[in-house]
Amino acid sequence: MKNYAKLSLVRFGLLVVCLLIGNLNVLGGSDIFNFEPKPNLYILSIGINKYDDEKMKLPFSINDANKLSDEFEKRGKYKFNEIKKIVLTDGQVRKQDILNELDKISREMSSDDVFVFSFSGMGSHFENNGRGEFYLIPQDGNWSNAKEKGISNLELQSYFRKIRAENKLIILDSCESSSGFETAMNTFFETDENIKSSGDENILFIGTDAITYENEKLQMGLMSSVVLDAIKGKADFDTDGEVSFRELEFYMYLGAKKHNKTFKNQLSPRTVLRGKEFAISDTDKKMSEIAKERSKTEKESQL
């Protein structure tokens, strides 16, 4: 009986090892000692079409939010352990709605996770005694009450300081995100040496010019459309099957040039990239290869 129990334990141990190795093969590697857990991806995507002030209308901002968040989710299928997507649109985008989601994300994320934040809507920039102030304007705000209803750069900074993810992508497809670019940029790039994370931070910030171009043919904002093209694979310049922060940044200028030529606009994105290279999305080809390899491995494990 004792020998039988020992034999059962051995068999159970071998089964566990085989299952682990099989799972690692599915993930693309067979060396159990080199296995590294995948990070989680958090997406907060905001789009406002209808403001309470009827003079402020952006017909395709919700499309921007939905299409970008869906594409990041799709392209991250094999890159991330878990993808948590939050999309806020008309009726859900007052100031406190946005701050509540940022606070929730900051409490859930670890430094190993990845954060994508996109905002398609109105923004505003003021000069106050020579100091720039940048505001994201939520649904119940407008240009005249932005300081009261809007989310200031200082408020955003306080929340982004809590989000300790070392890899962050920030996309602002909003008016004034370029005229107040330096102010907006300093919101997301920590400048206080006493607060900076001890770890490496890889951050790409994408802003646009003072005019938000909405395109009827694309049913999107032009800047968001360029981002979408990039992460789908047009920015994979080294053809390794992934789109990195650096490739995305470079494509913003190339894609904007193509869009301007096609649609006769003057979109001029501005970007800042700091840190090391980080891949944010997989191309169709790479995703297909991974899916085939996983299917093959699963069939072999069943033999």
Protein backbone atom coordinates (compact mmCIF):
# COMPACT_ATOMS: atom_id res chain seq x y z
CA MET A 1 0.00 0.00 0.00
CA LYS A 2 2.83 2.38 0.88
CA ASN A 3 4.66 1.53 -2.36
CA TYR A 4 1.45 2.13 -4.33
CA ALA A 5 1.02 5.55 -2.65
CA LYS A 6 4.62 6.50 -3.49
CA LEU A 7 4.13 5.41 -7.09
CA SER A 8 0.94 7.48 -7.34
CA LEU A 9 2.75 10.55 -6.03
CA VAL A 10 5.53 10.08 -8.57
CA ARG A 11 3.02 9.74 -11.38
CA PHE A 12 1.17 12.84 -10.15
CA GLY A 13 4.43 14.80 -10.03
CA LEU A 14 5.32 13.76 -13.58
CA LEU A 15 1.85 14.74 -14.76
CA VAL A 16 2.20 18.21 -13.22
CA VAL A 17 5.62 18.68 -14.86
CA CYS A 18 4.25 17.56 -18.24
CA LEU A 19 1.33 19.94 -17.93
CA LEU A 20 3.63 22.82 -17.04
CA ILE A 21 5.92 22.12 -19.97
CA GLY A 22 2.95 21.75 -22.27
CA ASN A 23 1.59 25.12 -21.16
CA LEU A 24 4.97 26.72 -21.65
CA ASN A 25 5.12 25.31 -25.16
CA VAL A 26 1.77 26.89 -25.85
CA LEU A 27 3.16 30.19 -24.64
CA GLY A 28 6.03 29.86 -27.07
CA GLY A 29 8.83 28.45 -24.92
CA SER A 30 9.76 25.08 -23.42
CA ASP A 31 12.32 26.08 -20.80
CA ILE A 32 10.55 26.11 -17.46
CA PHE A 33 13.42 27.94 -15.79
CA ASN A 34 13.33 30.83 -18.28
CA PHE A 35 9.59 31.35 -18.08
CA GLU A 36 8.59 34.92 -17.26
CA PRO A 37 5.00 35.79 -16.34
CA LYS A 38 3.24 38.13 -18.73
CA PRO A 39 2.06 41.55 -17.56
CA ASN A 40 -1.56 42.64 -17.56
CA LEU A 41 -2.80 45.36 -19.91
CA TYR A 42 -5.12 48.09 -18.63
CA ILE A 43 -6.92 50.24 -21.19
CA LEU A 44 -8.89 53.38 -20.30
CA SER A 45 -10.39 54.82 -23.47
CA ILE A 46 -12.59 57.92 -23.40
CA GLY A 47 -14.67 59.42 -26.21
CA ILE A 48 -17.17 62.28 -26.04
CA ASN A 49 -19.45 63.08 -28.97
CA LYS A 50 -22.17 65.12 -27.30
CA TYR A 51 -21.32 67.72 -24.70
CA ASP A 52 -23.99 69.27 -22.53
CA ASP A 53 -23.07 72.50 -24.30
CA GLU A 54 -24.65 71.92 -27.73
CA LYS A 55 -22.07 74.15 -29.40
CA MET A 56 -19.43 71.51 -28.66
CA LYS A 57 -19.84 68.50 -30.91
CA LEU A 58 -17.37 65.89 -32.06
CA PRO A 59 -19.21 63.30 -34.19
CA PHE A 60 -16.62 60.51 -34.14
CA SER A 61 -14.93 60.62 -30.72
CA ILE A 62 -16.85 57.57 -29.50
CA ASN A 63 -15.66 55.69 -32.59
CA ASP A 64 -12.10 56.67 -31.68
CA ALA A 65 -12.49 55.30 -28.15
CA ASN A 66 -14.14 52.05 -29.25
CA LYS A 67 -11.89 51.30 -32.21
CA LEU A 68 -8.64 52.05 -30.38
CA SER A 69 -9.58 50.07 -27.28
CA ASP A 70 -10.82 47.11 -29.35
CA GLU A 71 -7.65 47.06 -31.44
CA PHE A 72 -5.33 47.25 -28.44
CA GLU A 73 -7.30 44.40 -26.88
CA LYS A 74 -7.12 42.32 -30.06
CA ARG A 75 -3.41 42.97 -30.66
CA GLY A 76 -2.52 42.20 -27.06
CA LYS A 77 -4.18 38.77 -26.99
CA TYR A 78 -0.88 36.86 -26.89
CA LYS A 79 1.26 39.58 -25.31
CA PHE A 80 -0.55 40.00 -22.02
CA ASN A 81 -1.82 37.73 -19.29
CA GLU A 82 -5.09 39.59 -18.78
CA ILE A 83 -6.58 42.59 -20.56
CA LYS A 84 -8.85 44.93 -18.63
CA LYS A 85 -10.64 47.37 -20.91
CA ILE A 86 -12.70 50.34 -19.74
CA VAL A 87 -14.47 52.56 -22.29
CA LEU A 88 -16.24 55.73 -21.15
CA THR A 89 -18.57 57.49 -23.60
CA ASP A 90 -21.49 59.95 -23.57
CA GLY A 91 -23.34 59.85 -20.27
CA GLN A 92 -20.34 58.37 -18.41
CA VAL A 93 -17.71 61.06 -18.83
CA ARG A 94 -18.11 63.66 -16.17
CA LYS A 95 -15.03 64.64 -14.24
CA GLN A 96 -15.58 62.30 -11.32
CA ASP A 97 -16.32 59.34 -13.64
CA ILE A 98 -12.86 59.68 -15.18
CA LEU A 99 -11.07 60.24 -11.87
CA ASN A 100 -12.85 57.26 -10.30
CA GLU A 101 -11.60 54.96 -13.06
CA LEU A 102 -8.05 56.29 -12.79
CA ASP A 103 -8.14 55.73 -9.04
CA LYS A 104 -9.46 52.19 -9.45
CA ILE A 105 -6.77 51.34 -11.99
CA SER A 106 -4.04 52.78 -9.77
CA ARG A 107 -5.10 50.47 -6.94
CA GLU A 108 -5.14 47.35 -9.13
CA MET A 109 -2.02 47.76 -11.25
CA SER A 110 1.47 46.60 -10.46
CA SER A 111 4.68 48.10 -11.80
CA ASP A 112 5.00 45.22 -14.27
CA ASP A 113 1.65 46.00 -15.93
CA VAL A 114 1.00 48.17 -18.99
CA PHE A 115 -1.35 51.16 -19.16
CA VAL A 116 -2.94 52.67 -22.28
CA PHE A 117 -4.88 55.91 -21.79
CA SER A 118 -6.69 57.57 -24.69
CA PHE A 119 -8.90 60.65 -24.66
CA SER A 120 -10.89 61.85 -27.68
CA GLY A 121 -12.71 65.06 -26.87
CA MET A 122 -12.21 68.72 -26.11
CA GLY A 123 -9.30 70.23 -24.27
CA SER A 124 -8.29 73.72 -23.21
CA HIS A 125 -5.08 75.57 -22.41
CA PHE A 126 -4.62 78.73 -20.34
CA GLU A 127 -1.71 80.92 -19.36
CA ASN A 128 -1.78 81.84 -15.69
CA ASN A 129 0.95 84.30 -14.67
CA GLY A 130 3.27 82.84 -17.28
CA ARG A 131 2.49 79.29 -16.25
CA GLY A 132 0.59 77.00 -18.57
CA GLU A 133 -2.50 75.12 -17.44
CA PHE A 134 -4.00 72.31 -19.49
CA TYR A 135 -7.52 70.88 -19.00
CA LEU A 136 -9.36 67.88 -20.39
CA ILE A 137 -12.99 68.94 -20.78
CA PRO A 138 -15.51 66.28 -19.68
CA GLN A 139 -19.10 66.03 -20.90
CA ASP A 140 -20.56 68.73 -18.63
CA GLY A 141 -17.76 71.21 -19.25
CA ASN A 142 -17.05 73.86 -21.88
CA TRP A 143 -14.33 76.36 -22.68
CA SER A 144 -15.68 79.00 -20.31
CA ASN A 145 -15.95 76.71 -17.26
CA ALA A 146 -13.00 74.42 -17.99
CA LYS A 147 -11.22 75.45 -14.80
CA GLU A 148 -14.26 74.48 -12.75
CA LYS A 149 -15.53 71.39 -14.59
CA GLY A 150 -12.39 70.22 -16.36
CA ILE A 151 -9.58 67.96 -15.22
CA SER A 152 -6.43 70.02 -14.83
CA ASN A 153 -2.92 68.88 -15.64
CA LEU A 154 -2.13 68.96 -11.91
CA GLU A 155 -5.08 66.68 -11.09
CA LEU A 156 -4.11 64.27 -13.87
CA GLN A 157 -0.54 64.30 -12.63
CA SER A 158 -1.61 63.35 -9.10
CA TYR A 159 -3.49 60.31 -10.44
CA PHE A 160 -0.79 59.26 -12.90
CA ARG A 161 1.74 59.35 -10.08
CA LYS A 162 -0.28 56.60 -8.42
CA ILE A 163 -0.26 54.47 -11.56
CA ARG A 164 3.12 52.83 -11.20
CA ALA A 165 3.10 50.88 -14.46
CA GLU A 166 6.53 51.12 -16.03
CA ASN A 167 5.06 51.04 -19.54
CA LYS A 168 2.52 53.74 -20.40
CA LEU A 169 1.02 54.94 -23.67
CA ILE A 170 -0.95 58.21 -23.55
CA ILE A 171 -2.98 59.38 -26.56
CA LEU A 172 -4.71 62.78 -26.47
CA ASP A 173 -6.77 63.44 -29.58
CA SER A 174 -8.11 66.73 -28.30
CA CYS A 175 -8.05 70.43 -29.09
CA GLU A 176 -5.23 72.33 -27.42
CA SER A 177 -3.19 69.22 -26.62
CA SER A 178 -0.39 70.68 -28.72
CA SER A 179 -0.68 74.40 -27.89
CA GLY A 180 -0.42 73.28 -24.28
CA PHE A 181 1.93 70.45 -25.21
CA GLU A 182 4.71 71.20 -22.75
CA THR A 183 2.21 71.50 -19.91
CA ALA A 184 0.42 68.31 -20.93
CA MET A 185 3.69 66.44 -21.40
CA ASN A 186 4.90 67.28 -17.90
CA THR A 187 1.65 65.83 -16.59
CA PHE A 188 2.67 62.36 -17.67
CA PHE A 189 6.47 62.53 -17.42
CA GLU A 190 7.54 62.80 -13.81
CA THR A 191 9.96 65.69 -13.32
CA ASP A 192 10.25 65.61 -9.53
CA GLU A 193 13.40 63.64 -8.72
CA ASN A 194 12.03 62.81 -5.27
CA ILE A 195 8.98 61.10 -6.74
CA LYS A 196 10.41 59.35 -9.80
CA SER A 197 10.13 55.57 -9.76
CA SER A 198 13.35 53.71 -9.02
CA GLY A 199 12.56 51.40 -11.93
CA ASP A 200 12.74 52.11 -15.64
CA GLU A 201 9.78 53.92 -17.13
CA ASN A 202 8.91 53.55 -20.79
CA ILE A 203 6.39 56.22 -21.78
CA LEU A 204 5.11 57.42 -25.13
CA PHE A 205 2.95 60.54 -25.15
CA ILE A 206 1.07 61.46 -28.34
CA GLY A 207 -0.67 64.82 -28.73
CA THR A 208 -2.10 66.63 -31.70
CA ASP A 209 -2.40 70.19 -33.00
CA ALA A 210 -4.79 72.88 -31.78
CA ILE A 211 -7.53 71.65 -34.13
CA THR A 212 -9.18 68.24 -33.78
CA TYR A 213 -9.76 66.95 -37.29
CA GLU A 214 -12.78 64.67 -37.62
CA ASN A 215 -13.02 62.80 -40.92
CA GLU A 216 -16.38 61.82 -42.41
CA LYS A 217 -14.91 59.15 -44.68
CA LEU A 218 -12.92 57.47 -41.90
CA GLN A 219 -15.64 58.07 -39.29
CA MET A 220 -12.81 58.88 -36.88
CA GLY A 221 -10.56 61.64 -35.73
CA LEU A 222 -7.52 61.81 -38.02
CA MET A 223 -4.98 61.45 -35.23
CA SER A 224 -6.73 58.43 -33.72
CA SER A 225 -6.92 56.94 -37.21
CA VAL A 226 -3.14 57.22 -37.59
CA VAL A 227 -2.65 55.45 -34.25
CA LEU A 228 -5.06 52.72 -35.34
CA ASP A 229 -3.19 52.14 -38.62
CA ALA A 230 0.09 52.00 -36.73
CA ILE A 231 -0.87 49.36 -34.18
CA LYS A 232 -2.53 47.23 -36.87
CA GLY A 233 0.94 46.74 -38.33
CA LYS A 234 1.78 49.63 -40.62
CA ALA A 235 4.35 50.77 -38.06
CA ASP A 236 6.17 47.42 -38.02
CA PHE A 237 9.16 48.83 -39.88
CA ASP A 238 11.58 46.06 -38.88
CA THR A 239 9.01 43.35 -39.81
CA ASP A 240 9.48 41.46 -36.54
CA GLY A 241 5.71 41.09 -36.10
CA GLU A 242 5.45 43.66 -33.32
CA VAL A 243 4.86 47.40 -33.11
CA SER A 244 7.06 49.10 -30.55
CA PHE A 245 6.73 52.50 -28.92
CA ARG A 246 9.54 53.85 -31.11
CA GLU A 247 7.94 52.51 -34.30
CA LEU A 248 4.57 53.94 -33.27
CA GLU A 249 6.14 57.33 -32.60
CA PHE A 250 7.86 57.38 -36.01
CA TYR A 251 4.70 56.32 -37.81
CA MET A 252 2.68 59.16 -36.26
CA TYR A 253 4.57 61.63 -38.47
CA LEU A 254 4.64 59.43 -41.55
CA GLY A 255 0.95 58.53 -41.21
CA ALA A 256 -0.05 62.15 -40.58
CA LYS A 257 1.77 63.18 -43.75
CA LYS A 258 -0.13 60.55 -45.76
CA HIS A 259 -3.47 61.55 -44.21
CA ASN A 260 -2.85 65.23 -44.88
CA LYS A 261 -2.10 64.50 -48.52
CA THR A 262 -5.21 62.33 -48.88
CA PHE A 263 -7.68 64.43 -46.92
CA LYS A 264 -6.19 67.92 -47.40
CA ASN A 265 -5.77 68.61 -43.68
CA GLN A 266 -2.92 69.96 -41.60
CA LEU A 267 -2.65 67.37 -38.84
CA SER A 268 0.68 67.78 -37.06
CA PRO A 269 1.15 65.35 -34.17
CA ARG A 270 3.69 65.92 -31.45
CA THR A 271 5.22 63.10 -29.47
CA VAL A 272 7.63 62.45 -26.64
CA LEU A 273 9.20 59.06 -25.96
CA ARG A 274 11.29 58.22 -22.93
CA GLY A 275 12.76 54.96 -21.76
CA LYS A 276 13.59 51.70 -23.45
CA GLU A 277 11.91 49.98 -26.35
CA PHE A 278 8.59 48.28 -25.59
CA ALA A 279 6.31 46.35 -27.97
CA ILE A 280 2.63 47.25 -27.56
CA SER A 281 0.93 45.21 -30.31
CA ASP A 282 1.28 42.17 -32.59
CA THR A 283 0.69 42.16 -36.33
CA ASP A 284 -1.82 39.87 -38.05
CA LYS A 285 1.00 37.68 -39.34
CA LYS A 286 2.53 37.14 -35.91
CA MET A 287 -0.84 36.48 -34.29
CA SER A 288 -1.61 33.90 -36.98
CA GLU A 289 1.75 32.19 -36.42
CA ILE A 290 1.22 32.04 -32.66
CA ALA A 291 -2.30 30.66 -33.09
CA LYS A 292 -1.04 27.93 -35.45
CA GLU A 293 1.78 26.99 -33.08
CA ARG A 294 -0.61 26.77 -30.15
CA SER A 295 -3.03 24.62 -32.13
CA LYS A 296 -0.20 22.32 -33.19
CA THR A 297 1.09 21.98 -29.64
CA GLU A 298 -2.38 21.27 -28.26
CA LYS A 299 -2.93 18.51 -30.85
CA GLU A 300 0.47 16.95 -30.06
CA SER A 301 -0.28 17.00 -26.34
CA GLN A 302 -3.45 15.01 -26.95
CA LEU A 303 -1.62 12.15 -28.72
